[in-house]
C-alpha atoms as a PDB file:
ATOM      1  CA  MET A   1     -61.975 -31.505  45.941  1.00  0.00           C
ATOM      2  CA  GLU A   2     -65.358 -30.036  45.064  1.00  0.00           C
ATOM      3  CA  GLU A   3     -66.468 -30.082  41.459  1.00  0.00           C
ATOM      4  CA  VAL A   4     -67.832 -27.038  39.643  1.00  0.00           C
ATOM      5  CA  THR A   5     -71.551 -27.423  38.976  1.00  0.00           C
ATOM      6  CA  PHE A   6     -72.342 -26.751  35.318  1.00  0.00           C
ATOM      7  CA  LYS A   7     -75.671 -25.544  33.988  1.00  0.00           C
ATOM      8  CA  SER A   8     -76.896 -25.040  30.445  1.00  0.00           C
ATOM      9  CA  ASP A   9     -75.622 -21.441  30.331  1.00  0.00           C
ATOM     10  CA  THR A  10     -72.298 -22.059  32.085  1.00  0.00           C
ATOM     11  CA  VAL A  11     -69.116 -20.791  30.426  1.00  0.00           C
ATOM     12  CA  LEU A  12     -65.676 -21.971  31.531  1.00  0.00           C
ATOM     13  CA  SER A  13     -62.387 -20.400  30.431  1.00  0.00           C
ATOM     14  CA  ASP A  14     -59.737 -22.751  29.031  1.00  0.00           C
ATOM     15  CA  VAL A  15     -57.371 -21.275  31.606  1.00  0.00           C
ATOM     16  CA  HIS A  16     -59.597 -22.567  34.429  1.00  0.00           C
ATOM     17  CA  LEU A  17     -60.278 -25.875  32.714  1.00  0.00           C
ATOM     18  CA  TYR A  18     -56.784 -27.026  33.610  1.00  0.00           C
ATOM     19  CA  THR A  19     -56.002 -24.722  36.520  1.00  0.00           C
ATOM     20  CA  PRO A  20     -56.936 -27.126  39.368  1.00  0.00           C
ATOM     21  CA  ASN A  21     -54.032 -29.462  38.548  1.00  0.00           C
ATOM     22  CA  GLN A  22     -50.753 -27.601  38.731  1.00  0.00           C
ATOM     23  CA  ARG A  23     -48.812 -30.422  37.092  1.00  0.00           C
ATOM     24  CA  HIS A  24     -50.942 -30.173  33.967  1.00  0.00           C
ATOM     25  CA  LEU A  25     -50.825 -26.378  33.848  1.00  0.00           C
ATOM     26  CA  MET A  26     -47.061 -26.164  34.193  1.00  0.00           C
ATOM     27  CA  ALA A  27     -46.242 -29.000  31.796  1.00  0.00           C
ATOM     28  CA  GLY A  28     -44.063 -27.691  29.001  1.00  0.00           C
ATOM     29  CA  ALA A  29     -44.001 -24.131  30.330  1.00  0.00           C
ATOM     30  CA  ASP A  30     -40.238 -24.220  31.048  1.00  0.00           C
ATOM     31  CA  ILE A  31     -40.146 -20.620  32.257  1.00  0.00           C
ATOM     32  CA  PRO A  32     -37.031 -19.822  34.334  1.00  0.00           C
ATOM     33  CA  GLY A  33     -37.800 -18.488  37.768  1.00  0.00           C
ATOM     34  CA  GLN A  34     -41.498 -19.332  37.623  1.00  0.00           C
ATOM     35  CA  GLU A  35     -43.135 -21.505  40.219  1.00  0.00           C
ATOM     36  CA  TRP A  36     -46.408 -21.831  42.096  1.00  0.00           C
ATOM     37  CA  VAL A  37     -46.292 -20.410  45.587  1.00  0.00           C
ATOM     38  CA  GLY A  38     -48.529 -20.578  48.629  1.00  0.00           C
ATOM     39  CA  ALA A  39     -51.471 -22.390  47.039  1.00  0.00           C
ATOM     40  CA  PRO A  40     -53.314 -24.924  49.257  1.00  0.00           C
ATOM     41  CA  LEU A  41     -53.161 -28.375  47.636  1.00  0.00           C
ATOM     42  CA  ASP A  42     -55.025 -31.564  48.453  1.00  0.00           C
ATOM     43  CA  GLU A  43     -53.540 -35.067  48.397  1.00  0.00           C
ATOM     44  CA  ASP A  44     -53.898 -35.263  44.606  1.00  0.00           C
ATOM     45  CA  GLY A  45     -51.990 -32.071  43.999  1.00  0.00           C
ATOM     46  CA  ASP A  46     -55.176 -30.108  43.201  1.00  0.00           C
ATOM     47  CA  LEU A  47     -55.764 -26.566  44.402  1.00  0.00           C
ATOM     48  CA  ASP A  48     -58.471 -26.373  47.037  1.00  0.00           C
ATOM     49  CA  VAL A  49     -61.551 -24.447  45.943  1.00  0.00           C
ATOM     50  CA  VAL A  50     -63.588 -22.425  48.421  1.00  0.00           C
ATOM     51  CA  ARG A  51     -67.006 -20.915  48.042  1.00  0.00           C
ATOM     52  CA  LYS A  52     -67.396 -17.207  47.559  1.00  0.00           C
ATOM     53  CA  PRO A  53     -69.311 -15.751  50.540  1.00  0.00           C
ATOM     54  CA  GLN A  54     -72.725 -14.384  49.615  1.00  0.00           C
ATOM     55  CA  ALA A  55     -73.449 -10.815  50.572  1.00  0.00           C
ATOM     56  CA  ALA A  56     -76.809 -10.094  52.119  1.00  0.00           C
ATOM     57  CA  SER A  57     -77.545  -7.587  49.360  1.00  0.00           C
ATOM     58  CA  ASP A  58     -76.909 -10.059  46.520  1.00  0.00           C
ATOM     59  CA  PRO A  59     -80.193 -10.638  44.651  1.00  0.00           C
ATOM     60  CA  GLU A  60     -79.778 -14.367  44.112  1.00  0.00           C
ATOM     61  CA  PRO A  61     -82.588 -16.503  42.699  1.00  0.00           C
ATOM     62  CA  ALA A  62     -83.713 -19.235  45.070  1.00  0.00           C
ATOM     63  CA  GLY A  63     -81.694 -22.399  44.764  1.00  0.00           C
ATOM     64  CA  ARG A  64     -78.906 -20.904  42.669  1.00  0.00           C
ATOM     65  CA  VAL A  65     -75.450 -22.140  43.547  1.00  0.00           C
ATOM     66  CA  ARG A  66     -72.906 -19.389  44.083  1.00  0.00           C
ATOM     67  CA  ASP A  67     -69.833 -19.263  41.910  1.00  0.00           C
ATOM     68  CA  LYS A  68     -66.687 -20.622  43.471  1.00  0.00           C
ATOM     69  CA  VAL A  69     -63.597 -18.536  43.965  1.00  0.00           C
ATOM     70  CA  HIS A  70     -60.306 -20.019  42.915  1.00  0.00           C
ATOM     71  CA  PRO A  71     -56.965 -18.423  43.859  1.00  0.00           C
ATOM     72  CA  MET A  72     -54.704 -18.123  40.832  1.00  0.00           C
ATOM     73  CA  ILE A  73     -51.079 -17.423  41.670  1.00  0.00           C
ATOM     74  CA  LEU A  74     -48.454 -16.629  39.055  1.00  0.00           C
ATOM     75  CA  THR A  75     -44.857 -15.628  39.630  1.00  0.00           C
ATOM     76  CA  GLN A  76     -42.728 -13.289  37.577  1.00  0.00           C
ATOM     77  CA  GLU A  77     -39.139 -12.344  38.167  1.00  0.00           C
ATOM     78  CA  GLU A  78     -38.828  -8.627  38.785  1.00  0.00           C
ATOM     79  CA  GLU A  79     -35.985  -8.339  36.295  1.00  0.00           C
ATOM     80  CA  ASP A  80     -38.295  -9.605  33.548  1.00  0.00           C
ATOM     81  CA  ILE A  81     -40.625  -6.694  34.243  1.00  0.00           C
ATOM     82  CA  LEU A  82     -38.064  -3.910  34.586  1.00  0.00           C
ATOM     83  CA  GLY A  83     -35.265  -5.104  32.307  1.00  0.00           C
ATOM     84  CA  ASP A  84     -31.905  -3.408  32.904  1.00  0.00           C
ATOM     85  CA  LYS A  85     -33.447  -1.112  35.503  1.00  0.00           C
ATOM     86  CA  ALA A  86     -34.397  -3.944  37.808  1.00  0.00           C
ATOM     87  CA  GLN A  87     -33.594  -3.617  41.441  1.00  0.00           C
ATOM     88  CA  GLU A  88     -30.582  -5.502  42.745  1.00  0.00           C
ATOM     89  CA  SER A  89     -32.887  -7.883  44.569  1.00  0.00           C
ATOM     90  CA  SER A  90     -33.631 -11.088  42.675  1.00  0.00           C
ATOM     91  CA  THR A  91     -36.811 -11.866  44.585  1.00  0.00           C
ATOM     92  CA  CYS A  92     -39.875 -13.001  42.660  1.00  0.00           C
ATOM     93  CA  ASP A  93     -43.042 -10.966  42.525  1.00  0.00           C
ATOM     94  CA  VAL A  94     -46.239 -12.892  43.048  1.00  0.00           C
ATOM     95  CA  ILE A  95     -49.393 -11.953  41.151  1.00  0.00           C
ATOM     96  CA  SER A  96     -52.561 -13.075  42.931  1.00  0.00           C
ATOM     97  CA  ILE A  97     -55.862 -12.991  41.048  1.00  0.00           C
ATOM     98  CA  GLU A  98     -59.266 -13.754  42.531  1.00  0.00           C
ATOM     99  CA  HIS A  99     -61.701 -15.068  39.950  1.00  0.00           C
ATOM    100  CA  THR A 100     -64.631 -17.434  39.540  1.00  0.00           C
ATOM    101  CA  MET A 101     -64.314 -20.900  38.067  1.00  0.00           C
ATOM    102  CA  ALA A 102     -67.394 -20.889  35.830  1.00  0.00           C
ATOM    103  CA  THR A 103     -70.066 -18.304  35.091  1.00  0.00           C
ATOM    104  CA  PRO A 104     -73.082 -17.538  32.943  1.00  0.00           C
ATOM    105  CA  LEU A 105     -72.184 -15.748  29.719  1.00  0.00           C
ATOM    106  CA  GLU A 106     -73.024 -12.316  31.128  1.00  0.00           C
ATOM    107  CA  ASP A 107     -70.431 -12.793  33.910  1.00  0.00           C
ATOM    108  CA  VAL A 108     -67.480 -14.033  31.843  1.00  0.00           C
ATOM    109  CA  GLY A 109     -65.477 -11.022  33.020  1.00  0.00           C
ATOM    110  CA  LYS A 110     -65.088 -12.773  36.371  1.00  0.00           C
ATOM    111  CA  GLN A 111     -62.873 -15.415  34.772  1.00  0.00           C
ATOM    112  CA  VAL A 112     -59.292 -15.181  33.539  1.00  0.00           C
ATOM    113  CA  TRP A 113     -58.939 -15.719  29.790  1.00  0.00           C
ATOM    114  CA  ARG A 114     -55.938 -16.643  27.680  1.00  0.00           C
ATOM    115  CA  GLY A 115     -56.131 -13.359  25.807  1.00  0.00           C
ATOM    116  CA  ALA A 116     -55.533 -11.412  29.041  1.00  0.00           C
ATOM    117  CA  LEU A 117     -52.447 -13.493  29.797  1.00  0.00           C
ATOM    118  CA  PHE A 118     -51.281 -13.039  26.194  1.00  0.00           C
ATOM    119  CA  LEU A 119     -51.651  -9.259  26.496  1.00  0.00           C
ATOM    120  CA  ALA A 120     -49.886  -9.322  29.874  1.00  0.00           C
ATOM    121  CA  ASP A 121     -46.967 -11.169  28.274  1.00  0.00           C
ATOM    122  CA  TYR A 122     -46.707  -8.447  25.631  1.00  0.00           C
ATOM    123  CA  ILE A 123     -46.677  -5.731  28.299  1.00  0.00           C
ATOM    124  CA  LEU A 124     -43.890  -7.546  30.152  1.00  0.00           C
ATOM    125  CA  PHE A 125     -41.899  -7.860  26.916  1.00  0.00           C
ATOM    126  CA  GLN A 126     -42.430  -4.297  25.653  1.00  0.00           C
ATOM    127  CA  TRP A 127     -42.475  -2.645  29.066  1.00  0.00           C
ATOM    128  CA  ASP A 128     -40.617   0.420  27.756  1.00  0.00           C
ATOM    129  CA  LEU A 129     -43.633   1.273  25.554  1.00  0.00           C
ATOM    130  CA  PHE A 130     -45.802   1.566  28.670  1.00  0.00           C
ATOM    131  CA  GLN A 131     -43.335   3.114  31.100  1.00  0.00           C
ATOM    132  CA  GLY A 132     -44.632   6.357  32.591  1.00  0.00           C
ATOM    133  CA  CYS A 133     -47.829   6.273  30.510  1.00  0.00           C
ATOM    134  CA  THR A 134     -51.430   6.793  31.508  1.00  0.00           C
ATOM    135  CA  ILE A 135     -53.324   3.702  30.365  1.00  0.00           C
ATOM    136  CA  LEU A 136     -57.030   2.930  30.006  1.00  0.00           C
ATOM    137  CA  GLU A 137     -58.193  -0.685  29.922  1.00  0.00           C
ATOM    138  CA  LEU A 138     -61.668  -1.372  28.558  1.00  0.00           C
ATOM    139  CA  GLY A 139     -63.522  -4.461  29.762  1.00  0.00           C
ATOM    140  CA  ALA A 140     -60.779  -5.253  32.273  1.00  0.00           C
ATOM    141  CA  GLY A 141     -62.581  -8.159  33.969  1.00  0.00           C
ATOM    142  CA  THR A 142     -60.448  -9.375  36.868  1.00  0.00           C
ATOM    143  CA  GLY A 143     -57.893  -6.613  36.214  1.00  0.00           C
ATOM    144  CA  LEU A 144     -54.941  -8.867  35.342  1.00  0.00           C
ATOM    145  CA  ALA A 145     -53.661  -6.816  32.394  1.00  0.00           C
ATOM    146  CA  SER A 146     -54.125  -3.540  34.292  1.00  0.00           C
ATOM    147  CA  ILE A 147     -52.167  -4.879  37.248  1.00  0.00           C
ATOM    148  CA  ILE A 148     -49.309  -5.957  34.978  1.00  0.00           C
ATOM    149  CA  ALA A 149     -49.357  -2.575  33.211  1.00  0.00           C
ATOM    150  CA  ALA A 150     -49.194  -0.780  36.564  1.00  0.00           C
ATOM    151  CA  THR A 151     -45.728  -2.254  37.171  1.00  0.00           C
ATOM    152  CA  VAL A 152     -44.354   0.389  34.806  1.00  0.00           C
ATOM    153  CA  ALA A 153     -47.176   2.841  34.024  1.00  0.00           C
ATOM    154  CA  ARG A 154     -47.863   6.221  35.597  1.00  0.00           C
ATOM    155  CA  THR A 155     -51.575   5.505  36.105  1.00  0.00           C
ATOM    156  CA  VAL A 156     -53.886   2.745  34.898  1.00  0.00           C
ATOM    157  CA  TYR A 157     -57.640   3.239  34.664  1.00  0.00           C
ATOM    158  CA  CYS A 158     -59.073  -0.259  34.980  1.00  0.00           C
ATOM    159  CA  THR A 159     -62.670  -0.173  33.750  1.00  0.00           C
ATOM    160  CA  ASP A 160     -65.661  -2.458  33.342  1.00  0.00           C
ATOM    161  CA  VAL A 161     -69.318  -2.593  34.400  1.00  0.00           C
ATOM    162  CA  GLY A 162     -71.082  -4.273  37.316  1.00  0.00           C
ATOM    163  CA  ALA A 163     -70.505  -3.395  40.954  1.00  0.00           C
ATOM    164  CA  ASP A 164     -69.678  -6.983  41.949  1.00  0.00           C
ATOM    165  CA  LEU A 165     -67.133  -7.406  39.144  1.00  0.00           C
ATOM    166  CA  LEU A 166     -65.527  -4.037  39.865  1.00  0.00           C
ATOM    167  CA  ALA A 167     -65.373  -4.916  43.572  1.00  0.00           C
ATOM    168  CA  MET A 168     -63.549  -8.147  42.689  1.00  0.00           C
ATOM    169  CA  CYS A 169     -61.215  -6.144  40.483  1.00  0.00           C
ATOM    170  CA  GLN A 170     -60.555  -3.699  43.322  1.00  0.00           C
ATOM    171  CA  ARG A 171     -59.654  -6.594  45.621  1.00  0.00           C
ATOM    172  CA  ASN A 172     -57.195  -7.885  43.018  1.00  0.00           C
ATOM    173  CA  VAL A 173     -55.611  -4.447  42.767  1.00  0.00           C
ATOM    174  CA  ALA A 174     -55.211  -4.365  46.551  1.00  0.00           C
ATOM    175  CA  LEU A 175     -53.726  -7.879  46.561  1.00  0.00           C
ATOM    176  CA  ASN A 176     -51.070  -6.748  44.094  1.00  0.00           C
ATOM    177  CA  SER A 177     -50.410  -3.202  45.263  1.00  0.00           C
ATOM    178  CA  HIS A 178     -46.773  -4.155  45.925  1.00  0.00           C
ATOM    179  CA  LEU A 179     -46.240  -4.333  42.140  1.00  0.00           C
ATOM    180  CA  THR A 180     -47.185  -0.730  41.393  1.00  0.00           C
ATOM    181  CA  ALA A 181     -44.460   1.312  39.718  1.00  0.00           C
ATOM    182  CA  PRO A 182     -42.638   3.584  42.217  1.00  0.00           C
ATOM    183  CA  GLY A 183     -44.011   7.108  42.058  1.00  0.00           C
ATOM    184  CA  GLY A 184     -46.956   6.055  39.882  1.00  0.00           C
ATOM    185  CA  GLY A 185     -50.627   6.698  40.467  1.00  0.00           C
ATOM    186  CA  GLY A 186     -51.411   3.008  40.680  1.00  0.00           C
ATOM    187  CA  VAL A 187     -54.554   1.352  39.373  1.00  0.00           C
ATOM    188  CA  LYS A 188     -57.875   3.182  39.589  1.00  0.00           C
ATOM    189  CA  VAL A 189     -60.917   0.937  39.198  1.00  0.00           C
ATOM    190  CA  ARG A 190     -63.763   2.796  37.504  1.00  0.00           C
ATOM    191  CA  GLU A 191     -67.058   2.041  35.777  1.00  0.00           C
ATOM    192  CA  LEU A 192     -67.114   2.571  32.015  1.00  0.00           C
ATOM    193  CA  ASP A 193     -70.207   1.398  30.185  1.00  0.00           C
ATOM    194  CA  TRP A 194     -69.717   1.092  26.410  1.00  0.00           C
ATOM    195  CA  LEU A 195     -73.450   1.560  25.878  1.00  0.00           C
ATOM    196  CA  LYS A 196     -73.403   5.031  27.456  1.00  0.00           C
ATOM    197  CA  ASP A 197     -71.884   8.149  25.942  1.00  0.00           C
ATOM    198  CA  ASP A 198     -70.847   9.749  29.230  1.00  0.00           C
ATOM    199  CA  LEU A 199     -68.813   8.610  32.208  1.00  0.00           C
ATOM    200  CA  CYS A 200     -70.699   8.183  35.462  1.00  0.00           C
ATOM    201  CA  THR A 201     -69.881  11.052  37.840  1.00  0.00           C
ATOM    202  CA  ASP A 202     -72.554  10.413  40.475  1.00  0.00           C
ATOM    203  CA  PRO A 203     -70.665  10.200  43.792  1.00  0.00           C
ATOM    204  CA  GLU A 204     -73.383   7.906  45.139  1.00  0.00           C
ATOM    205  CA  VAL A 205     -72.551   5.258  42.538  1.00  0.00           C
ATOM    206  CA  PRO A 206     -69.641   2.927  43.385  1.00  0.00           C
ATOM    207  CA  PHE A 207     -66.578   3.300  41.140  1.00  0.00           C
ATOM    208  CA  SER A 208     -67.816   6.554  39.578  1.00  0.00           C
ATOM    209  CA  TRP A 209     -65.469   9.174  38.126  1.00  0.00           C
ATOM    210  CA  SER A 210     -64.360  12.393  39.788  1.00  0.00           C
ATOM    211  CA  GLN A 211     -63.774  15.485  37.677  1.00  0.00           C
ATOM    212  CA  GLU A 212     -60.084  15.137  38.513  1.00  0.00           C
ATOM    213  CA  ASP A 213     -60.098  11.584  37.138  1.00  0.00           C
ATOM    214  CA  ILE A 214     -61.791  12.670  33.921  1.00  0.00           C
ATOM    215  CA  SER A 215     -59.398  15.562  33.407  1.00  0.00           C
ATOM    216  CA  ASP A 216     -56.407  13.282  33.940  1.00  0.00           C
ATOM    217  CA  LEU A 217     -57.866  10.595  31.646  1.00  0.00           C
ATOM    218  CA  TYR A 218     -58.424  12.934  28.712  1.00  0.00           C
ATOM    219  CA  SER A 219     -55.240  14.946  29.229  1.00  0.00           C
ATOM    220  CA  HIS A 220     -52.700  12.157  29.622  1.00  0.00           C
ATOM    221  CA  THR A 221     -53.950   8.824  28.257  1.00  0.00           C
ATOM    222  CA  THR A 222     -51.836   7.493  25.387  1.00  0.00           C
ATOM    223  CA  VAL A 223     -52.511   3.724  25.556  1.00  0.00           C
ATOM    224  CA  LEU A 224     -55.803   1.811  25.518  1.00  0.00           C
ATOM    225  CA  LEU A 225     -56.045  -1.924  26.195  1.00  0.00           C
ATOM    226  CA  ALA A 226     -58.741  -4.525  25.656  1.00  0.00           C
ATOM    227  CA  ALA A 227     -58.460  -8.301  25.967  1.00  0.00           C
ATOM    228  CA  GLU A 228     -60.941 -11.047  25.096  1.00  0.00           C
ATOM    229  CA  VAL A 229     -63.974  -8.780  24.764  1.00  0.00           C
ATOM    230  CA  PHE A 230     -64.865  -9.689  21.178  1.00  0.00           C
ATOM    231  CA  TYR A 231     -67.215 -12.631  21.698  1.00  0.00           C
ATOM    232  CA  ASP A 232     -70.500 -10.857  20.926  1.00  0.00           C
ATOM    233  CA  ASP A 233     -71.145  -8.735  17.813  1.00  0.00           C
ATOM    234  CA  ASP A 234     -73.159  -6.088  19.658  1.00  0.00           C
ATOM    235  CA  LEU A 235     -70.470  -5.707  22.319  1.00  0.00           C
ATOM    236  CA  THR A 236     -67.769  -5.559  19.640  1.00  0.00           C
ATOM    237  CA  ASP A 237     -69.668  -2.742  17.924  1.00  0.00           C
ATOM    238  CA  ALA A 238     -70.048  -0.953  21.266  1.00  0.00           C
ATOM    239  CA  LEU A 239     -66.331  -1.336  21.998  1.00  0.00           C
ATOM    240  CA  PHE A 240     -65.269   0.193  18.684  1.00  0.00           C
ATOM    241  CA  LYS A 241     -67.797   2.999  19.092  1.00  0.00           C
ATOM    242  CA  THR A 242     -66.424   3.686  22.570  1.00  0.00           C
ATOM    243  CA  LEU A 243     -62.846   3.606  21.310  1.00  0.00           C
ATOM    244  CA  CYS A 244     -63.663   6.197  18.633  1.00  0.00           C
ATOM    245  CA  ARG A 245     -65.540   8.399  21.080  1.00  0.00           C
ATOM    246  CA  LEU A 246     -62.665   8.352  23.576  1.00  0.00           C
ATOM    247  CA  ALA A 247     -60.053   8.953  20.880  1.00  0.00           C
ATOM    248  CA  HIS A 248     -61.802  12.184  19.933  1.00  0.00           C
ATOM    249  CA  LYS A 249     -61.726  13.365  23.548  1.00  0.00           C
ATOM    250  CA  LEU A 250     -58.089  12.509  24.258  1.00  0.00           C
ATOM    251  CA  LYS A 251     -55.634  15.387  23.902  1.00  0.00           C
ATOM    252  CA  ASN A 252     -52.801  13.120  22.716  1.00  0.00           C
ATOM    253  CA  ALA A 253     -52.337  10.620  19.927  1.00  0.00           C
ATOM    254  CA  CYS A 254     -52.911   7.139  21.287  1.00  0.00           C
ATOM    255  CA  THR A 255     -52.387   3.458  20.569  1.00  0.00           C
ATOM    256  CA  ALA A 256     -54.993   0.796  21.277  1.00  0.00           C
ATOM    257  CA  ILE A 257     -53.768  -2.774  21.767  1.00  0.00           C
ATOM    258  CA  LEU A 258     -56.421  -5.447  21.377  1.00  0.00           C
ATOM    259  CA  SER A 259     -56.092  -9.109  22.291  1.00  0.00           C
ATOM    260  CA  VAL A 260     -58.429 -11.639  20.701  1.00  0.00           C
ATOM    261  CA  GLU A 261     -58.715 -15.404  20.422  1.00  0.00           C
ATOM    262  CA  LYS A 262     -60.004 -16.803  17.150  1.00  0.00           C
ATOM    263  CA  ARG A 263     -62.554 -19.310  18.413  1.00  0.00           C
ATOM    264  CA  LEU A 264     -63.858 -21.950  16.022  1.00  0.00           C
ATOM    265  CA  ASN A 265     -67.424 -23.182  16.503  1.00  0.00           C
ATOM    266  CA  PHE A 266     -69.674 -25.567  14.626  1.00  0.00           C
ATOM    267  CA  THR A 267     -72.923 -23.807  13.749  1.00  0.00           C
ATOM    268  CA  LEU A 268     -76.172 -25.391  12.604  1.00  0.00           C
ATOM    269  CA  SER A 269     -76.883 -22.426  10.340  1.00  0.00           C
ATOM    270  CA  HIS A 270     -73.728 -23.120   8.330  1.00  0.00           C
ATOM    271  CA  LEU A 271     -73.373 -26.829   9.081  1.00  0.00           C
ATOM    272  CA  ASP A 272     -69.688 -26.093   9.273  1.00  0.00           C
ATOM    273  CA  VAL A 273     -66.967 -24.811  11.590  1.00  0.00           C
ATOM    274  CA  THR A 274     -66.953 -21.007  11.612  1.00  0.00           C
ATOM    275  CA  CYS A 275     -65.517 -18.144  13.672  1.00  0.00           C
ATOM    276  CA  GLU A 276     -68.252 -15.544  13.329  1.00  0.00           C
ATOM    277  CA  ALA A 277     -67.291 -13.419  16.344  1.00  0.00           C
ATOM    278  CA  TYR A 278     -63.697 -13.205  15.113  1.00  0.00           C
ATOM    279  CA  ASP A 279     -64.816 -12.421  11.563  1.00  0.00           C
ATOM    280  CA  HIS A 280     -66.955  -9.573  12.893  1.00  0.00           C
ATOM    281  CA  PHE A 281     -63.971  -8.266  14.875  1.00  0.00           C
ATOM    282  CA  ARG A 282     -61.787  -8.265  11.758  1.00  0.00           C
ATOM    283  CA  SER A 283     -64.520  -6.562   9.766  1.00  0.00           C
ATOM    284  CA  SER A 284     -64.746  -3.887  12.466  1.00  0.00           C
ATOM    285  CA  LEU A 285     -60.995  -3.297  12.249  1.00  0.00           C
ATOM    286  CA  HIS A 286     -61.269  -2.916   8.482  1.00  0.00           C
ATOM    287  CA  GLN A 287     -64.149  -0.465   8.790  1.00  0.00           C
ATOM    288  CA  LEU A 288     -62.261   1.553  11.391  1.00  0.00           C
ATOM    289  CA  GLU A 289     -59.224   1.864   9.158  1.00  0.00           C
ATOM    290  CA  ARG A 290     -61.393   3.069   6.276  1.00  0.00           C
ATOM    291  CA  ARG A 291     -63.395   5.405   8.485  1.00  0.00           C
ATOM    292  CA  GLU A 292     -63.834   8.878   7.032  1.00  0.00           C
ATOM    293  CA  ASP A 293     -62.882  11.232   9.828  1.00  0.00           C
ATOM    294  CA  SER A 294     -61.861  14.843   9.419  1.00  0.00           C
ATOM    295  CA  ARG A 295     -59.939  14.907  12.698  1.00  0.00           C
ATOM    296  CA  LEU A 296     -58.370  11.493  13.280  1.00  0.00           C
ATOM    297  CA  ARG A 297     -56.652   8.809  11.256  1.00  0.00           C
ATOM    298  CA  PHE A 298     -56.835   5.157  12.360  1.00  0.00           C
ATOM    299  CA  ALA A 299     -54.094   2.769  11.236  1.00  0.00           C
ATOM    300  CA  VAL A 300     -54.305  -0.950  12.036  1.00  0.00           C
ATOM    301  CA  GLU A 301     -51.559  -3.549  12.124  1.00  0.00           C
ATOM    302  CA  PRO A 302     -51.116  -7.044  13.618  1.00  0.00           C
ATOM    303  CA  VAL A 303     -48.474  -7.716  16.271  1.00  0.00           C
ATOM    304  CA  GLU A 304     -46.054 -10.567  15.647  1.00  0.00           C
ATOM    305  CA  ALA A 305     -46.669 -13.174  18.361  1.00  0.00           C
ATOM    306  CA  SER A 306     -43.016 -14.162  18.716  1.00  0.00           C
ATOM    307  CA  PHE A 307     -42.436 -12.343  22.016  1.00  0.00           C
ATOM    308  CA  PRO A 308     -41.381 -14.506  25.000  1.00  0.00           C
ATOM    309  CA  GLN A 309     -43.936 -16.244  27.184  1.00  0.00           C
ATOM    310  CA  ARG A 310     -43.506 -15.265  30.838  1.00  0.00           C
ATOM    311  CA  LEU A 311     -46.784 -16.476  32.295  1.00  0.00           C
ATOM    312  CA  ALA A 312     -48.156 -20.005  32.501  1.00  0.00           C
ATOM    313  CA  TYR A 313     -50.932 -20.684  29.988  1.00  0.00           C
ATOM    314  CA  GLU A 314     -51.343 -22.487  26.691  1.00  0.00           C
ATOM    315  CA  ARG A 315     -50.259 -20.040  23.994  1.00  0.00           C
ATOM    316  CA  ILE A 316     -52.203 -21.298  21.006  1.00  0.00           C
ATOM    317  CA  ARG A 317     -51.821 -19.959  17.478  1.00  0.00           C
ATOM    318  CA  GLN A 318     -55.382 -18.604  17.556  1.00  0.00           C
ATOM    319  CA  LEU A 319     -54.287 -15.862  19.969  1.00  0.00           C
ATOM    320  CA  GLU A 320     -53.722 -12.524  18.236  1.00  0.00           C
ATOM    321  CA  LEU A 321     -52.737  -8.972  19.129  1.00  0.00           C
ATOM    322  CA  TRP A 322     -53.725  -5.973  17.033  1.00  0.00           C
ATOM    323  CA  LYS A 323     -52.564  -2.377  17.313  1.00  0.00           C
ATOM    324  CA  ILE A 324     -54.632   0.628  16.335  1.00  0.00           C
ATOM    325  CA  PHE A 325     -52.655   3.848  15.945  1.00  0.00           C
ATOM    326  CA  VAL A 326     -54.788   6.966  16.341  1.00  0.00           C
ATOM    327  CA  GLU A 327     -53.269  10.229  15.139  1.00  0.00           C
ATOM    328  CA  PRO A 328     -54.631  13.644  14.196  1.00  0.00           C
ATOM    329  CA  VAL A 329     -55.191  14.330  10.511  1.00  0.00           C
ATOM    330  CA  THR A 330     -52.877  16.966   9.079  1.00  0.00           C
ATOM    331  CA  SER A 331     -54.927  18.632   6.321  1.00  0.00           C
ATOM    332  CA  PRO A 332     -53.151  20.633   3.607  1.00  0.00           C
ATOM    333  CA  ILE A 333     -54.033  24.331   3.374  1.00  0.00           C
ATOM    334  CA  VAL A 334     -53.892  26.068  -0.018  1.00  0.00           C
ATOM    335  CA  ILE A 335     -52.105  29.424   0.336  1.00  0.00           C
ATOM    336  CA  GLY A 336     -51.313  30.271  -3.233  1.00  0.00           C
ATOM    337  CA  SER A 337     -51.089  29.044  -6.806  1.00  0.00           C
ATOM    338  CA  VAL A 338     -48.581  28.911  -9.612  1.00  0.00           C
ATOM    339  CA  GLY A 339     -50.418  28.826 -12.929  1.00  0.00           C
ATOM    340  CA  SER A 340     -53.037  26.154 -12.508  1.00  0.00           C
ATOM    341  CA  SER A 341     -51.190  24.437  -9.636  1.00  0.00           C
ATOM    342  CA  THR A 342     -51.696  24.994  -5.942  1.00  0.00           C
ATOM    343  CA  VAL A 343     -48.994  25.066  -3.243  1.00  0.00           C
ATOM    344  CA  PRO A 344     -50.160  23.159  -0.125  1.00  0.00           C
ATOM    345  CA  VAL A 345     -48.740  23.749   3.325  1.00  0.00           C
ATOM    346  CA  ASN A 346     -49.429  21.195   6.070  1.00  0.00           C
ATOM    347  CA  ARG A 347     -51.137  22.508   9.179  1.00  0.00           C
ATOM    348  CA  CYS A 348     -48.984  21.911  12.282  1.00  0.00           C
END
């Protein structure tokens, strides 16, 4: 089996670190009804890795080795997704995700991260919270969480930046189209750049937004998702700015569910183990909750991580889910006074 070639700027997800050996990955999982299906194995029990074909239009520096594509196949019993409303069939649904094994930091969205699997587990557990909803995922990467959400949602807008990443995401959506909720709008892969105030509507740009998409997004979205996108302070700031901007444009109250892994790193500046990216994320949550806003109120709370594990990954205690509840502010209106007191009436 070929080895992944590492360079000084290579980043490898912990999920992929152990993915090639299915025995290691499944050890201790003990999930009823879950098995690996249809994956090509070599004589050592390792999944075969194939190279990703290079498009003629790809601007690759001379001598650079292309990333390798690794098929990741998970299984999930349909009854786990739909609960009491499951179909009579007991067949297993297979989730197939194309991703790269190792990337430079700027391409980490092409890998599958534990936080995405953690968020997917929560969606499978609390599927009734997402049923029939319009959902927007920010920084969707390979689209795993969006695909899981689409098993029960009305429509999922799966967003990120980069034509090659979005094309990979679109292929993953097509691979898993059999999972889409009956009667739903499926998964729509679109570009959403956190560093830009407006959505791209240029029809010449791949994965741009139509006016119909934008109208549907702002009129019906009630859930926002983001997983493992809090590894850089500038991007974290951009994400929270984007979340606030979108919340003001949505016609309904909404809930944002954020998945983060608290990563510990030894830094020379501190000569100690720190988690600066996580600390900045928590600070951003605190600032959001204390934000002075005349129109919206932001309430933040952690999610207890005791929900069942349905997917195969190492659920470490550093994985966290946070909910942000966004609701309109109901300001009191003074309509009269009794002596020196006023009588407030809440605006509906």
